[in-house]
Amino acid sequence: MVVDAAAAEEAGAAVSAHDALAVVEIASPSARATDRKLKPALYTAAGIEH
């Protein structure tokens, strides 16, 4: 996850989805369907554009 530096400093260990600028998934064979179908929709709903 790429997060704005100021948001990362304020958040500590947990960062809110609205502070995420981009998320990268490494698709595993056992979770490929979830990684490619479900998660992009969840990221979009959370306002993560990339």
N, C-alpha and C. Protein backbone atom coordinates (compact mmCIF):
# COMPACT_ATOMS: atom_id res chain seq x y z
N MET A 1 0.84 -1.16 0.00
CA MET A 1 0.00 0.00 0.00
C MET A 1 0.89 1.23 0.00
N VAL A 2 0.53 2.19 -0.79
CA VAL A 2 1.21 3.49 -0.81
C VAL A 2 0.29 4.47 -0.10
N VAL A 3 0.85 5.15 0.89
CA VAL A 3 0.06 6.05 1.71
C VAL A 3 0.76 7.40 1.77
N ASP A 4 -0.02 8.45 1.84
CA ASP A 4 0.52 9.79 2.02
C ASP A 4 1.36 9.82 3.30
N ALA A 5 2.53 10.45 3.24
CA ALA A 5 3.46 10.46 4.36
C ALA A 5 2.84 11.05 5.62
N ALA A 6 2.10 12.13 5.50
CA ALA A 6 1.48 12.76 6.68
C ALA A 6 0.46 11.83 7.31
N ALA A 7 -0.32 11.14 6.49
CA ALA A 7 -1.32 10.21 7.01
C ALA A 7 -0.64 9.04 7.70
N ALA A 8 0.47 8.57 7.16
CA ALA A 8 1.20 7.45 7.76
C ALA A 8 1.76 7.83 9.13
N GLU A 9 2.26 9.04 9.26
CA GLU A 9 2.80 9.49 10.54
C GLU A 9 1.71 9.57 11.60
N GLU A 10 0.54 10.06 11.21
CA GLU A 10 -0.56 10.21 12.16
C GLU A 10 -1.18 8.87 12.53
N ALA A 11 -1.20 7.93 11.59
CA ALA A 11 -1.93 6.68 11.78
C ALA A 11 -1.20 5.68 12.67
N GLY A 12 0.10 5.64 12.62
CA GLY A 12 0.83 4.61 13.36
C GLY A 12 0.81 3.30 12.60
N ALA A 13 0.36 2.22 13.26
CA ALA A 13 0.40 0.88 12.65
C ALA A 13 -0.75 0.62 11.69
N ALA A 14 -1.90 1.22 11.90
CA ALA A 14 -3.07 0.97 11.04
C ALA A 14 -3.42 2.23 10.27
N VAL A 15 -3.61 2.07 8.97
CA VAL A 15 -3.92 3.20 8.10
C VAL A 15 -5.34 3.02 7.57
N SER A 16 -6.11 4.07 7.56
CA SER A 16 -7.47 4.01 7.03
C SER A 16 -7.44 3.87 5.51
N ALA A 17 -8.43 3.21 4.97
CA ALA A 17 -8.50 3.01 3.52
C ALA A 17 -8.54 4.34 2.77
N HIS A 18 -9.18 5.35 3.33
CA HIS A 18 -9.27 6.63 2.62
C HIS A 18 -7.91 7.34 2.52
N ASP A 19 -6.91 6.88 3.26
CA ASP A 19 -5.56 7.44 3.17
C ASP A 19 -4.68 6.70 2.16
N ALA A 20 -5.17 5.59 1.64
CA ALA A 20 -4.38 4.80 0.68
C ALA A 20 -4.41 5.47 -0.69
N LEU A 21 -3.24 5.60 -1.28
CA LEU A 21 -3.14 6.16 -2.63
C LEU A 21 -3.13 5.06 -3.68
N ALA A 22 -2.54 3.92 -3.33
CA ALA A 22 -2.47 2.78 -4.25
C ALA A 22 -2.25 1.51 -3.43
N VAL A 23 -2.77 0.39 -3.96
CA VAL A 23 -2.61 -0.91 -3.32
C VAL A 23 -2.11 -1.88 -4.36
N VAL A 24 -1.15 -2.71 -3.99
CA VAL A 24 -0.61 -3.74 -4.88
C VAL A 24 -0.93 -5.10 -4.28
N GLU A 25 -1.47 -5.98 -5.09
CA GLU A 25 -1.78 -7.34 -4.64
C GLU A 25 -0.85 -8.31 -5.35
N ILE A 26 -0.34 -9.26 -4.63
CA ILE A 26 0.41 -10.37 -5.22
C ILE A 26 -0.54 -11.56 -5.17
N ALA A 27 -1.04 -11.93 -6.32
CA ALA A 27 -2.05 -12.98 -6.39
C ALA A 27 -1.42 -14.35 -6.13
N SER A 28 -1.98 -15.05 -5.17
CA SER A 28 -1.52 -16.40 -4.90
C SER A 28 -2.47 -17.38 -5.59
N PRO A 29 -1.97 -18.53 -5.99
CA PRO A 29 -2.82 -19.50 -6.68
C PRO A 29 -4.07 -19.88 -5.88
N SER A 30 -3.95 -19.98 -4.57
CA SER A 30 -5.10 -20.39 -3.76
C SER A 30 -6.14 -19.29 -3.58
N ALA A 31 -5.77 -18.04 -3.79
CA ALA A 31 -6.70 -16.93 -3.59
C ALA A 31 -6.85 -16.07 -4.83
N ARG A 32 -6.50 -16.59 -5.98
CA ARG A 32 -6.50 -15.80 -7.22
C ARG A 32 -7.87 -15.20 -7.52
N ALA A 33 -8.95 -15.96 -7.37
CA ALA A 33 -10.29 -15.45 -7.67
C ALA A 33 -10.63 -14.27 -6.75
N THR A 34 -10.32 -14.41 -5.49
CA THR A 34 -10.59 -13.32 -4.53
C THR A 34 -9.74 -12.10 -4.86
N ASP A 35 -8.46 -12.34 -5.16
CA ASP A 35 -7.55 -11.23 -5.44
C ASP A 35 -7.92 -10.47 -6.71
N ARG A 36 -8.50 -11.14 -7.68
CA ARG A 36 -8.78 -10.49 -8.96
C ARG A 36 -10.23 -10.04 -9.13
N LYS A 37 -11.16 -10.60 -8.36
CA LYS A 37 -12.57 -10.25 -8.52
C LYS A 37 -13.12 -9.46 -7.34
N LEU A 38 -12.93 -9.97 -6.14
CA LEU A 38 -13.53 -9.33 -4.97
C LEU A 38 -12.75 -8.11 -4.50
N LYS A 39 -11.45 -8.24 -4.36
CA LYS A 39 -10.67 -7.15 -3.78
C LYS A 39 -10.69 -5.86 -4.60
N PRO A 40 -10.59 -5.91 -5.93
CA PRO A 40 -10.68 -4.64 -6.68
C PRO A 40 -11.99 -3.90 -6.42
N ALA A 41 -13.08 -4.63 -6.30
CA ALA A 41 -14.37 -3.99 -6.01
C ALA A 41 -14.36 -3.37 -4.61
N LEU A 42 -13.75 -4.04 -3.66
CA LEU A 42 -13.66 -3.49 -2.30
C LEU A 42 -12.79 -2.24 -2.27
N TYR A 43 -11.69 -2.27 -3.00
CA TYR A 43 -10.81 -1.09 -3.05
C TYR A 43 -11.52 0.09 -3.70
N THR A 44 -12.26 -0.18 -4.76
CA THR A 44 -13.01 0.89 -5.43
C THR A 44 -14.06 1.47 -4.48
N ALA A 45 -14.76 0.61 -3.77
CA ALA A 45 -15.79 1.08 -2.83
C ALA A 45 -15.18 1.91 -1.71
N ALA A 46 -13.93 1.62 -1.36
CA ALA A 46 -13.24 2.37 -0.30
C ALA A 46 -12.63 3.67 -0.82
N GLY A 47 -12.71 3.89 -2.15
CA GLY A 47 -12.17 5.12 -2.72
C GLY A 47 -10.72 5.04 -3.13
N ILE A 48 -10.17 3.83 -3.17
CA ILE A 48 -8.77 3.65 -3.59
C ILE A 48 -8.76 3.53 -5.10
N GLU A 49 -8.18 4.50 -5.78
CA GLU A 49 -8.24 4.54 -7.25
C GLU A 49 -7.27 3.61 -7.93
N HIS A 50 -6.14 3.34 -7.32
CA HIS A 50 -5.10 2.55 -7.98
C HIS A 50 -4.72 1.36 -7.15
